Protein backbone atom coordinates (compact mmCIF):
# COMPACT_ATOMS: atom_id res chain seq x y z
CA MET A 1 6.42 7.05 16.23
CA ARG A 2 9.75 6.33 14.57
CA VAL A 3 9.00 5.61 10.90
CA VAL A 4 10.85 4.30 7.84
CA ILE A 5 9.18 5.03 4.49
CA ALA A 6 9.81 2.93 1.36
CA GLU A 7 8.21 4.42 -1.75
CA ASP A 8 9.80 4.63 -5.20
CA ALA A 9 7.73 7.65 -6.30
CA ALA A 10 9.87 10.53 -5.03
CA VAL A 11 7.06 13.07 -4.75
CA LEU A 12 4.80 10.75 -2.75
CA ARG A 13 7.73 9.69 -0.58
CA GLU A 14 8.52 13.29 0.33
CA LEU A 15 4.86 14.12 0.91
CA LEU A 16 4.46 11.19 3.31
CA ALA A 17 7.61 12.19 5.17
CA GLN A 18 6.48 15.81 5.45
CA MET A 19 2.96 14.85 6.50
CA LEU A 20 4.14 12.56 9.29
CA SER A 21 6.86 14.95 10.46
CA GLU A 22 4.33 17.74 10.80
CA ARG A 23 2.32 15.50 13.10
CA GLY A 24 5.24 14.95 15.43
CA HIS A 25 6.57 11.63 14.14
CA GLU A 26 10.26 10.97 13.49
CA ILE A 27 11.18 9.92 9.96
CA CYS A 28 14.26 7.73 10.39
CA ALA A 29 14.68 7.19 6.64
CA ALA A 30 12.76 7.63 3.37
CA VAL A 31 14.04 5.28 0.66
CA GLY A 32 13.15 4.23 -2.86
CA ASP A 33 13.92 0.51 -3.12
CA ALA A 34 13.59 -2.72 -1.16
CA ASP A 35 17.28 -3.21 -0.39
CA ALA A 36 17.51 0.28 1.08
CA LEU A 37 14.38 -0.50 3.12
CA ARG A 38 15.93 -3.62 4.65
CA GLU A 39 19.10 -1.70 5.49
CA ALA A 40 17.22 1.26 7.00
CA VAL A 41 15.12 -0.99 9.25
CA ALA A 42 18.21 -2.90 10.41
CA VAL A 43 20.01 0.35 11.26
CA HIS A 44 17.18 2.41 12.78
CA ARG A 45 14.85 -0.25 14.26
CA PRO A 46 11.73 1.90 13.73
CA ASP A 47 8.34 1.38 15.35
CA VAL A 48 6.70 1.01 11.96
CA THR A 49 7.51 1.12 8.27
CA VAL A 50 5.38 2.24 5.32
CA VAL A 51 6.07 -0.01 2.34
CA ASP A 52 5.05 0.27 -1.30
CA ILE A 53 4.67 -3.20 -2.84
CA ARG A 54 6.03 -2.59 -6.34
CA MET A 55 9.52 -1.09 -6.30
CA PRO A 56 12.72 -1.30 -8.38
CA PRO A 57 14.20 -3.12 -10.10
CA THR A 58 11.25 -5.15 -11.50
CA HIS A 59 8.35 -3.21 -9.98
CA THR A 60 6.48 -6.41 -9.10
CA ASP A 61 6.59 -7.54 -5.47
CA GLU A 62 9.96 -6.39 -4.11
CA GLY A 63 8.42 -4.32 -1.33
CA LEU A 64 6.11 -7.08 -0.17
CA ARG A 65 8.90 -9.64 -0.04
CA ALA A 66 11.02 -7.15 1.91
CA ALA A 67 8.12 -6.71 4.34
CA ILE A 68 8.04 -10.46 4.96
CA ASP A 69 11.78 -10.42 5.64
CA ILE A 70 11.39 -7.49 8.05
CA ARG A 71 8.66 -9.25 10.02
CA ALA A 72 10.88 -12.33 10.32
CA GLU A 73 14.06 -10.47 11.27
CA HIS A 74 12.53 -7.57 13.25
CA PRO A 75 9.19 -8.83 14.67
CA GLY A 76 8.78 -5.73 16.81
CA THR A 77 8.53 -3.48 13.74
CA GLY A 78 5.04 -2.88 12.39
CA VAL A 79 4.53 -3.02 8.61
CA LEU A 80 1.95 -0.95 6.74
CA LEU A 81 1.73 -1.90 3.07
CA PHE A 82 0.60 1.10 1.01
CA SER A 83 -0.11 0.26 -2.61
CA GLN A 84 -2.39 0.60 -5.60
CA TYR A 85 -2.67 -3.18 -5.86
CA VAL A 86 -3.89 -6.15 -3.83
CA GLU A 87 -1.28 -8.93 -3.95
CA THR A 88 -2.87 -11.89 -2.20
CA LYS A 89 -0.05 -14.47 -2.42
CA TYR A 90 2.64 -12.75 -0.36
CA ALA A 91 0.19 -10.71 1.74
CA THR A 92 -1.36 -13.97 2.94
CA ARG A 93 2.12 -15.23 3.83
CA LEU A 94 2.75 -12.04 5.79
CA LEU A 95 -0.37 -12.62 7.88
CA ALA A 96 0.07 -16.38 8.17
CA ALA A 97 3.40 -15.78 9.90
CA GLY A 98 1.45 -14.63 12.94
CA SER A 99 2.32 -10.99 12.49
CA ALA A 100 0.89 -8.53 14.96
CA GLY A 101 1.29 -5.01 13.70
CA VAL A 102 0.33 -5.39 10.03
CA GLY A 103 -1.64 -3.09 7.77
CA TYR A 104 -2.54 -2.93 4.08
CA LEU A 105 -4.10 0.21 2.63
CA LEU A 106 -4.88 1.02 -1.00
CA LYS A 107 -3.58 4.41 -2.12
CA ASP A 108 -6.65 5.46 -4.06
CA ARG A 109 -9.02 4.57 -1.19
CA VAL A 110 -7.45 6.50 1.68
CA ALA A 111 -9.89 9.33 2.24
CA ASN A 112 -7.75 11.71 4.29
CA ILE A 113 -4.54 12.20 6.25
CA ALA A 114 -6.20 11.45 9.59
CA GLU A 115 -7.35 8.04 8.33
CA PHE A 116 -3.81 7.19 7.21
CA THR A 117 -2.09 8.29 10.42
CA ASP A 118 -4.70 6.52 12.56
CA ALA A 119 -4.04 3.28 10.65
CA LEU A 120 -0.28 3.74 11.00
CA GLU A 121 -0.58 4.27 14.75
CA ARG A 122 -2.69 1.10 15.13
CA VAL A 123 -0.10 -0.92 13.24
CA ALA A 124 2.77 0.55 15.27
CA ALA A 125 0.89 -0.45 18.44
CA GLY A 126 0.61 -4.08 17.26
CA GLY A 127 -2.87 -3.97 15.73
CA THR A 128 -4.21 -4.40 12.20
CA ALA A 129 -5.43 -1.90 9.62
CA LEU A 130 -6.70 -3.48 6.41
CA ASP A 131 -8.67 -1.86 3.60
CA PRO A 132 -12.08 -3.56 3.16
CA GLU A 133 -11.15 -4.52 -0.42
CA VAL A 134 -7.97 -6.15 0.86
CA VAL A 135 -9.97 -8.09 3.46
CA THR A 136 -12.40 -9.28 0.79
CA GLN A 137 -9.69 -10.49 -1.56
CA LEU A 138 -7.51 -12.08 1.12
CA ALA A 139 -10.48 -13.86 2.68
CA GLY A 140 -11.32 -15.31 -0.73
CA ALA A 141 -7.73 -16.17 -1.69
CA GLY A 142 -7.76 -19.63 -0.11
CA HIS A 143 -10.14 -22.23 1.24
CA ARG A 144 -11.93 -21.37 4.46
CA SER A 145 -10.36 -23.11 7.38
CA ALA A 146 -12.44 -25.74 9.17
CA GLU A 147 -11.84 -23.83 12.41
CA LEU A 148 -14.07 -21.02 11.07
CA ALA A 149 -17.00 -23.36 10.42
CA PRO A 150 -18.59 -22.84 13.87
CA LEU A 151 -18.90 -19.08 13.31
CA THR A 152 -22.31 -17.72 12.37
CA GLU A 153 -22.71 -15.38 9.40
CA ARG A 154 -22.99 -12.40 11.77
CA GLU A 155 -19.88 -13.46 13.67
CA ARG A 156 -17.98 -13.60 10.38
CA GLU A 157 -19.21 -10.10 9.55
CA VAL A 158 -17.92 -8.88 12.90
CA LEU A 159 -14.59 -10.63 12.33
CA SER A 160 -14.27 -9.08 8.87
CA LEU A 161 -14.77 -5.61 10.35
CA MET A 162 -12.27 -6.43 13.09
CA ALA A 163 -9.77 -7.19 10.33
CA GLU A 164 -10.14 -3.63 9.10
CA GLY A 165 -9.02 -2.47 12.55
CA ARG A 166 -12.42 -1.17 13.63
CA SER A 167 -13.27 -0.82 17.32
CA ASN A 168 -16.39 -2.42 18.81
CA ALA A 169 -18.14 0.95 18.69
CA ALA A 170 -17.30 1.36 15.00
CA ILE A 171 -18.49 -2.18 14.26
CA ALA A 172 -21.75 -1.46 16.07
CA GLY A 173 -22.27 1.61 13.91
CA ALA A 174 -21.56 -0.29 10.70
CA LEU A 175 -23.96 -3.12 11.57
CA PHE A 176 -26.62 -0.92 13.21
CA VAL A 177 -26.54 -2.86 16.46
CA SER A 178 -25.66 -1.94 20.04
CA PRO A 179 -22.06 -2.05 21.32
CA GLY A 180 -23.18 -4.69 23.81
CA THR A 181 -24.34 -6.92 20.97
CA VAL A 182 -20.97 -6.54 19.26
CA GLU A 183 -19.19 -7.43 22.50
CA LYS A 184 -21.21 -10.66 22.67
CA HIS A 185 -20.34 -11.52 19.06
CA VAL A 186 -16.64 -10.79 19.64
CA ALA A 187 -16.63 -12.96 22.78
CA ALA A 188 -18.30 -15.77 20.79
CA VAL A 189 -15.65 -15.48 18.08
CA PHE A 190 -12.86 -15.76 20.65
CA ASP A 191 -14.55 -18.76 22.27
CA LYS A 192 -15.24 -20.63 19.02
CA LEU A 193 -11.70 -20.05 17.75
CA GLY A 194 -10.30 -21.34 21.03
CA LEU A 195 -8.43 -18.14 21.84
CA PRO A 196 -7.57 -18.12 25.56
CA ALA A 197 -8.43 -15.23 27.82
CA SER A 198 -5.70 -12.62 27.57
CA HIS A 199 -5.42 -9.02 26.49
CA ASP A 200 -8.37 -8.48 24.09
CA HIS A 201 -6.14 -6.54 21.69
CA ASN A 202 -3.91 -9.58 21.20
CA ARG A 203 -6.89 -11.89 20.76
CA ARG A 204 -8.32 -9.57 18.10
CA VAL A 205 -5.12 -9.78 16.10
CA LEU A 206 -4.97 -13.58 16.43
CA ALA A 207 -8.61 -13.88 15.34
CA VAL A 208 -7.97 -11.70 12.28
CA ILE A 209 -4.93 -13.76 11.29
CA ARG A 210 -6.96 -16.97 11.47
CA TYR A 211 -9.73 -15.40 9.41
CA LEU A 212 -7.45 -14.27 6.60
CA ARG A 213 -4.96 -17.10 6.28
CA PRO A 214 -5.79 -19.87 3.77
């Protein structure tokens, strides 16, 4: 992957760059503020960018607003938000824009390097990778859409796990059911949400977006 990193903490920024480089990925740029992030993405057109939410000058939501701009101006670039905080307002906007290739991980909940790089690769490939706590807060940030009403409680559980980026096999393990049962639930979700037959990966992303947007 070709990666741009935006993280204002210099030590963490360098560690991320070193970690990804050692695993064969190209670090196009590693920057410390949102303006430099926008410029780096425009120049390098990376596959994916890792973005801290709170960066200079105000340390509030500069990174998240830059991520929204990047998705609008460079829709082929995946965005993985990597933060200590869950910011529902702008994160919901990021997903509501119909963004394939979006992730949101919490720094203190990433268990190991393999988990992080796996999430980054899913996002670069156009998928989703959302921390369970992020899914919970985003799903509760707005009213539930009427289009989700037909889903059963189990189908919503499956959709929530899909939002985390889990495969059918991983969902089956989490719910203690067979992979075939999960496949039936996923097919029912697609049908009830009116998602036309296409590449299942794309339908999974569309289903997740509908689940999380207010």
